[in-house]
Amino acid sequence: MKYFAPISLAAALVGASPMAYAANVQVTTQNPVIELSISEQIDSRPDTATFSTGVETKAPTATQAMRDNSRQAKVVIDKLKSLGIAEKDIQTTGINLNADYEYDRTSETNRFVGYRVSNQVQATVRNIDKLGTILDSLVSSGGATNLSGPYFSLDDDVAIKKLARERALISGKQRAESYAKASGYSGVRVISISEAMSNNSLGPMPVSRMAAVQEKSVPVAPGQVGTTINLNISYEMTR
C-alpha cells in the first residue's frame, strides 16, 4: 500500500527562503492507515495585556485638526511611558483625517463643519495587576478620549505549547491503538504529523470615559487564556 504523507521540509541551503514548504512524500505501508485529528488545550493565567487608546480632535481646518491632535497624542504617549510601559511596547496603529459633517434638519442635508482627526496607539502591559490603574490614569489625566481592549495573552507560551503537544500525542496514540486492537492489530506506528496552534482569549472589553473617571482603578478580571495544539496524525496499524 502506498501512502502520501505531507511533510514540512525547511529550507536549509544558504540564501534559500526561510519559509517551510509542504511536499508529498510517498510512504509505503503494509497495513491499513488511521488518520486522526487531535486537539489539546491548556488554560493558564495570562501575564500580558494589550489595549488600544488614542485621541480624537476637531477643527475648522485640516492643518489645525492635525496640530491639535499631534499635541494631544504626545500627551497620551508620554503618559503611557510615565506609567511604566516601555517604549518598545507602544506603537501607533493609525492616524486618520476625515471631513466632518453635521446633519442640518432644516435643509435635510449634511453641512460641512471642518475636519476630524484620530490617532490610535496600541500598548502592551506586562504587569496586568497594574492594568486597571493604567487605564484610569490614561483617561483621567492622560488625555485619552477612547479605549479598546484589553486582549490577554502569554508573553512566553513555549512551555504551555510543549505540554499541550505532549498530551495531544499521548491522546492520539491511545485512540489509534484502540482502533488498531479493535481491528485485530497489536499496535500502531506514526507515519506523519502536522501541527497547528491557536491562542484563545476573551474579546476586547470597551472602557468608556465616564466609567473610567468614576473609578480610581478600573476593575479588570484577566481570567484564563487557552493555548491549543491541533495535530493531524497518520498511523499505520501493526501486527
Protein backbone atom coordinates (compact mmCIF):
# COMPACT_ATOMS: atom_id res chain seq x y z
CA MET A 1 0.00 0.00 0.00
CA LYS A 2 1.31 3.45 -0.88
CA TYR A 3 0.54 6.40 1.35
CA PHE A 4 1.23 10.06 0.54
CA ALA A 5 2.18 12.00 3.69
CA PRO A 6 2.51 15.82 3.82
CA ILE A 7 5.88 16.52 5.45
CA SER A 8 7.30 20.01 6.14
CA LEU A 9 10.73 20.49 4.62
CA ALA A 10 12.63 23.51 5.98
CA ALA A 11 14.88 25.35 3.54
CA ALA A 12 18.43 24.53 4.53
CA LEU A 13 20.52 25.99 1.72
CA VAL A 14 22.30 29.30 2.12
CA GLY A 15 20.21 32.06 0.60
CA ALA A 16 17.10 29.89 0.49
CA SER A 17 13.80 31.26 1.77
CA PRO A 18 13.12 30.55 5.46
CA MET A 19 9.56 29.58 4.55
CA ALA A 20 8.68 25.91 5.11
CA TYR A 21 7.38 24.04 2.09
CA ALA A 22 4.92 21.15 2.15
CA ALA A 23 5.86 18.19 -0.02
CA ASN A 24 4.03 14.96 -0.78
CA VAL A 25 6.36 12.18 0.27
CA GLN A 26 5.47 8.64 -0.72
CA VAL A 27 5.46 6.24 2.24
CA THR A 28 4.95 2.53 1.70
CA THR A 29 2.70 0.80 4.21
CA GLN A 30 1.76 -2.85 4.53
CA ASN A 31 -1.31 -2.40 6.70
CA PRO A 32 -4.34 -0.09 6.99
CA VAL A 33 -3.77 3.54 7.96
CA ILE A 34 -5.56 5.52 10.68
CA GLU A 35 -5.86 9.31 10.29
CA LEU A 36 -6.75 11.29 13.40
CA SER A 37 -7.23 14.98 14.25
CA ILE A 38 -6.25 15.64 17.86
CA SER A 39 -6.86 18.89 19.73
CA GLU A 40 -5.46 19.67 23.17
CA GLN A 41 -5.99 22.95 25.05
CA ILE A 42 -4.16 24.17 28.14
CA ASP A 43 -5.75 27.01 30.12
CA SER A 44 -3.46 29.31 32.09
CA ARG A 45 -3.46 32.74 33.70
CA PRO A 46 -2.32 35.44 31.26
CA ASP A 47 0.65 37.65 32.10
CA THR A 48 0.31 40.23 29.31
CA ALA A 49 -2.47 42.59 28.25
CA THR A 50 -2.73 44.66 25.07
CA PHE A 51 -5.13 47.54 24.55
CA SER A 52 -5.70 50.45 22.17
CA THR A 53 -6.14 54.07 23.16
CA GLY A 54 -5.99 57.42 21.46
CA VAL A 55 -7.39 60.86 20.92
CA GLU A 56 -9.82 62.50 18.52
CA THR A 57 -9.83 66.18 17.69
CA LYS A 58 -11.95 68.51 15.56
CA ALA A 59 -11.05 71.84 13.97
CA PRO A 60 -12.24 74.10 11.11
CA THR A 61 -9.15 73.33 9.03
CA ALA A 62 -7.24 70.12 8.40
CA THR A 63 -3.96 71.72 9.46
CA GLN A 64 -5.33 72.84 12.81
CA ALA A 65 -7.00 69.48 13.43
CA MET A 66 -3.71 67.68 12.78
CA ARG A 67 -1.74 70.04 15.00
CA ASP A 68 -4.21 69.77 17.86
CA ASN A 69 -4.29 66.02 17.54
CA SER A 70 -0.50 65.65 17.43
CA ARG A 71 -0.17 67.69 20.60
CA GLN A 72 -2.76 65.63 22.47
CA ALA A 73 -1.43 62.30 21.12
CA LYS A 74 2.01 63.18 22.50
CA VAL A 75 0.44 63.71 25.92
CA VAL A 76 -1.09 60.22 25.75
CA ILE A 77 2.19 58.59 24.68
CA ASP A 78 4.14 60.43 27.39
CA LYS A 79 1.57 59.29 29.93
CA LEU A 80 1.96 55.67 28.85
CA LYS A 81 5.71 55.91 29.36
CA SER A 82 5.29 57.56 32.78
CA LEU A 83 3.06 54.66 33.82
CA GLY A 84 5.93 52.24 33.26
CA ILE A 85 5.14 50.99 29.75
CA ALA A 86 8.34 50.51 27.75
CA GLU A 87 8.80 52.45 24.52
CA LYS A 88 9.05 49.18 22.56
CA ASP A 89 5.58 48.27 23.82
CA ILE A 90 3.95 51.43 22.45
CA GLN A 91 3.03 51.53 18.76
CA THR A 92 0.98 53.94 16.65
CA THR A 93 -1.58 51.87 14.75
CA GLY A 94 -3.49 54.52 12.82
CA ILE A 95 -3.82 58.23 12.09
CA ASN A 96 -6.99 59.23 10.25
CA LEU A 97 -8.05 62.59 8.82
CA ASN A 98 -11.65 62.97 7.62
CA ALA A 99 -14.02 65.75 6.71
CA ASP A 100 -16.60 66.36 9.44
CA TYR A 101 -20.28 66.96 8.70
CA GLU A 102 -23.37 67.77 10.71
CA TYR A 103 -26.90 66.99 9.63
CA ASP A 104 -29.00 70.12 9.06
CA ARG A 105 -32.63 69.25 9.81
CA THR A 106 -33.92 72.41 8.15
CA SER A 107 -32.37 71.73 4.76
CA GLU A 108 -32.16 67.96 5.35
CA THR A 109 -28.57 67.94 4.12
CA ASN A 110 -25.16 67.27 5.60
CA ARG A 111 -23.31 70.53 6.32
CA PHE A 112 -19.51 70.63 6.26
CA VAL A 113 -18.20 71.90 9.63
CA GLY A 114 -14.47 71.11 9.48
CA TYR A 115 -12.14 68.17 9.95
CA ARG A 116 -11.83 65.29 12.38
CA VAL A 117 -8.51 63.58 13.22
CA SER A 118 -7.99 60.43 15.25
CA ASN A 119 -4.72 58.90 16.43
CA GLN A 120 -4.70 55.36 17.82
CA VAL A 121 -1.92 53.79 19.84
CA GLN A 122 -1.51 50.18 20.91
CA ALA A 123 0.15 49.47 24.26
CA THR A 124 1.29 46.25 25.90
CA VAL A 125 1.21 45.92 29.67
CA ARG A 126 3.46 43.23 31.14
CA ASN A 127 2.23 43.61 34.69
CA ILE A 128 -1.51 43.12 34.42
CA ASP A 129 -2.01 43.81 38.13
CA LYS A 130 -1.44 47.47 37.21
CA LEU A 131 -3.74 47.43 34.18
CA GLY A 132 -6.78 48.94 35.89
CA THR A 133 -4.77 51.85 37.29
CA ILE A 134 -3.15 52.46 33.91
CA LEU A 135 -6.49 52.60 32.10
CA ASP A 136 -7.92 55.02 34.64
CA SER A 137 -4.86 57.27 34.53
CA LEU A 138 -4.94 57.49 30.75
CA VAL A 139 -8.47 58.90 30.78
CA SER A 140 -8.40 60.95 33.99
CA SER A 141 -5.03 62.66 33.46
CA GLY A 142 -3.56 61.39 30.19
CA GLY A 143 -5.99 62.98 27.76
CA ALA A 144 -7.19 59.76 26.10
CA THR A 145 -10.65 60.02 24.56
CA ASN A 146 -11.13 56.34 23.80
CA LEU A 147 -10.04 52.91 24.99
CA SER A 148 -10.47 49.48 23.44
CA GLY A 149 -9.46 46.13 24.86
CA PRO A 150 -7.78 44.59 26.65
CA TYR A 151 -6.66 41.40 24.95
CA PHE A 152 -4.95 38.97 27.31
CA SER A 153 -2.14 36.60 26.33
CA LEU A 154 1.01 34.83 27.49
CA ASP A 155 4.33 36.51 26.85
CA ASP A 156 6.13 33.15 26.69
CA ASP A 157 3.94 30.15 25.87
CA VAL A 158 6.69 27.73 24.81
CA ALA A 159 6.31 25.53 27.90
CA ILE A 160 2.50 25.53 27.61
CA LYS A 161 2.66 24.54 23.94
CA LYS A 162 5.10 21.74 24.78
CA LEU A 163 2.73 20.38 27.42
CA ALA A 164 -0.28 20.60 25.08
CA ARG A 165 1.71 18.87 22.32
CA GLU A 166 2.77 16.03 24.61
CA ARG A 167 -0.79 15.48 25.79
CA ALA A 168 -2.08 15.51 22.22
CA LEU A 169 0.49 12.88 21.20
CA ILE A 170 -0.46 10.65 24.11
CA SER A 171 -4.16 11.05 23.37
CA GLY A 172 -3.63 10.34 19.67
CA LYS A 173 -1.65 7.19 20.31
CA GLN A 174 -4.25 5.87 22.74
CA ARG A 175 -7.05 6.44 20.25
CA ALA A 176 -5.09 4.91 17.39
CA GLU A 177 -4.19 1.83 19.44
CA SER A 178 -7.85 1.43 20.38
CA TYR A 179 -8.80 1.39 16.67
CA ALA A 180 -5.97 -1.00 15.87
CA LYS A 181 -6.81 -3.54 18.57
CA ALA A 182 -10.49 -3.41 17.69
CA SER A 183 -9.42 -4.27 14.13
CA GLY A 184 -7.26 -7.22 15.13
CA TYR A 185 -3.86 -5.48 15.17
CA SER A 186 -1.46 -5.21 18.11
CA GLY A 187 -0.29 -1.61 17.80
CA VAL A 188 0.47 1.39 15.56
CA ARG A 189 3.40 3.36 14.19
CA VAL A 190 3.41 7.04 13.29
CA ILE A 191 3.61 7.87 9.58
CA SER A 192 3.15 11.65 9.62
CA ILE A 193 2.33 14.56 11.92
CA SER A 194 1.25 18.09 11.08
CA GLU A 195 0.55 20.81 13.64
CA ALA A 196 -1.46 23.99 14.03
CA MET A 197 -1.64 26.29 17.05
CA SER A 198 -4.02 28.90 18.35
CA ASN A 199 -4.42 31.11 21.40
CA ASN A 200 -7.90 31.74 22.73
CA SER A 201 -8.87 34.68 24.91
CA LEU A 202 -11.90 36.85 25.51
CA GLY A 203 -12.59 39.61 23.01
CA PRO A 204 -11.94 43.28 23.74
CA MET A 205 -13.86 44.96 26.51
CA PRO A 206 -14.62 48.62 25.68
CA VAL A 207 -14.00 51.07 28.51
CA SER A 208 -15.93 54.33 28.45
CA ARG A 209 -14.55 57.65 29.64
CA MET A 210 -17.30 58.09 32.19
CA ALA A 211 -16.84 54.66 33.76
CA ALA A 212 -13.08 55.15 33.99
CA VAL A 213 -13.35 58.54 35.66
CA GLN A 214 -15.77 57.28 38.31
CA GLU A 215 -13.39 54.56 39.49
CA LYS A 216 -9.90 55.04 40.95
CA SER A 217 -8.86 51.79 39.33
CA VAL A 218 -10.86 50.19 36.54
CA PRO A 219 -11.78 46.63 37.65
CA VAL A 220 -10.07 44.09 35.41
CA ALA A 221 -10.56 40.31 35.53
CA PRO A 222 -7.90 38.58 33.39
CA GLY A 223 -9.44 35.11 33.70
CA GLN A 224 -7.56 32.49 31.68
CA VAL A 225 -6.34 32.12 28.12
CA GLY A 226 -6.31 28.83 26.24
CA THR A 227 -3.33 27.64 24.24
CA THR A 228 -4.43 24.98 21.76
CA ILE A 229 -2.38 22.49 19.76
CA ASN A 230 -4.08 20.77 16.81
CA LEU A 231 -2.36 17.70 15.41
CA ASN A 232 -3.20 15.69 12.31
CA ILE A 233 -1.53 12.33 12.78
CA SER A 234 -1.45 9.29 10.49
CA TYR A 235 -0.70 5.86 11.95
CA GLU A 236 -0.13 2.51 10.32
CA MET A 237 -1.62 -0.47 12.15
CA THR A 238 1.00 -3.04 13.10
CA ARG A 239 0.89 -6.75 13.93
